[in-house]
Amino acid sequence: MATLFAVMLPLGVIGVWQWVILGLVVLLLFGGKKIPELMHGLGKGVKSFKAGMKDAEKDIEEIRAEIVKDDEPKKVDDKKEEK
């Protein structure tokens, strides 16, 4: 872990000029026409990922509700047996 930190330390924080240079390199590599297509694909991917996360959260909540629903009758039955 210390060696990784020692390697990354000289890199420092990416500043404004580094972002500008990175943007120019991307522009040169992909061209002006391909960048909107790449961003559109990236946007679709992010949207799909968010939809998947919402579906997973919904499934988890449904399972949690089923577990709570299954546990409630047992608690009521336990109280009836104690009386």
Protein backbone atom coordinates (compact mmCIF):
# COMPACT_ATOMS: atom_id res chain seq x y z
CA MET A 1 0.00 0.00 0.00
CA ALA A 2 2.84 2.36 0.83
CA THR A 3 4.43 1.76 -2.58
CA LEU A 4 1.19 2.65 -4.34
CA PHE A 5 1.00 5.89 -2.37
CA ALA A 6 4.65 6.65 -3.20
CA VAL A 7 3.96 6.14 -6.90
CA MET A 8 0.82 8.33 -6.88
CA LEU A 9 2.31 11.12 -4.78
CA PRO A 10 4.22 12.80 -7.64
CA LEU A 11 1.05 12.89 -9.75
CA GLY A 12 -0.70 15.28 -7.40
CA VAL A 13 -4.12 16.76 -8.08
CA ILE A 14 -5.30 17.17 -11.65
CA GLY A 15 -5.49 20.88 -12.38
CA VAL A 16 -7.28 22.92 -15.01
CA TRP A 17 -4.50 22.68 -17.58
CA GLN A 18 -4.32 18.91 -17.25
CA TRP A 19 -8.07 18.71 -17.95
CA VAL A 20 -7.66 20.97 -20.99
CA ILE A 21 -4.82 18.82 -22.35
CA LEU A 22 -6.82 15.64 -21.67
CA GLY A 23 -9.82 17.11 -23.52
CA LEU A 24 -7.66 18.03 -26.50
CA VAL A 25 -6.19 14.54 -26.63
CA VAL A 26 -9.66 13.01 -26.58
CA LEU A 27 -10.78 15.42 -29.29
CA LEU A 28 -7.81 14.48 -31.46
CA LEU A 29 -8.28 10.75 -30.93
CA PHE A 30 -12.01 10.53 -31.51
CA GLY A 31 -12.82 13.60 -33.57
CA GLY A 32 -15.63 16.08 -33.13
CA LYS A 33 -18.31 13.84 -34.63
CA LYS A 34 -17.65 10.80 -32.44
CA ILE A 35 -17.63 12.61 -29.09
CA PRO A 36 -21.41 13.28 -29.01
CA GLU A 37 -22.02 9.64 -29.87
CA LEU A 38 -19.71 8.53 -27.07
CA MET A 39 -21.42 10.85 -24.59
CA HIS A 40 -24.85 9.62 -25.71
CA GLY A 41 -23.75 6.02 -25.15
CA LEU A 42 -22.29 6.94 -21.78
CA GLY A 43 -25.55 8.65 -20.80
CA LYS A 44 -27.57 5.58 -21.78
CA GLY A 45 -25.24 3.40 -19.75
CA VAL A 46 -25.61 5.60 -16.66
CA LYS A 47 -29.39 5.69 -17.09
CA SER A 48 -29.51 1.90 -17.40
CA PHE A 49 -27.31 1.52 -14.32
CA LYS A 50 -29.56 3.81 -12.27
CA ALA A 51 -32.65 1.89 -13.41
CA GLY A 52 -30.99 -1.36 -12.39
CA MET A 53 -30.14 0.05 -8.98
CA LYS A 54 -33.75 1.20 -8.47
CA ASP A 55 -35.01 -2.25 -9.46
CA ALA A 56 -32.60 -3.90 -7.04
CA GLU A 57 -33.68 -1.57 -4.22
CA LYS A 58 -37.33 -2.32 -5.03
CA ASP A 59 -36.66 -6.07 -4.89
CA ILE A 60 -34.85 -5.70 -1.57
CA GLU A 61 -37.75 -3.74 -0.10
CA GLU A 62 -40.24 -6.38 -1.32
CA ILE A 63 -38.18 -9.16 0.27
CA ARG A 64 -37.83 -7.15 3.49
CA ALA A 65 -41.62 -6.62 3.56
CA GLU A 66 -42.19 -10.35 3.09
CA ILE A 67 -39.81 -11.16 5.93
CA VAL A 68 -41.53 -8.71 8.26
CA LYS A 69 -44.92 -10.06 7.17
CA ASP A 70 -43.82 -13.64 7.88
CA ASP A 71 -42.43 -12.69 11.31
CA GLU A 72 -45.56 -10.88 12.52
CA PRO A 73 -47.87 -13.94 12.85
CA LYS A 74 -45.21 -15.78 14.83
CA LYS A 75 -45.04 -12.96 17.35
CA VAL A 76 -48.83 -12.93 17.71
CA ASP A 77 -48.91 -16.75 18.10
CA ASP A 78 -46.16 -16.60 20.74
CA LYS A 79 -48.19 -14.11 22.77
CA LYS A 80 -51.31 -16.27 22.51
CA GLU A 81 -49.39 -19.33 23.75
CA GLU A 82 -48.07 -17.42 26.77
CA LYS A 83 -51.62 -16.57 27.92
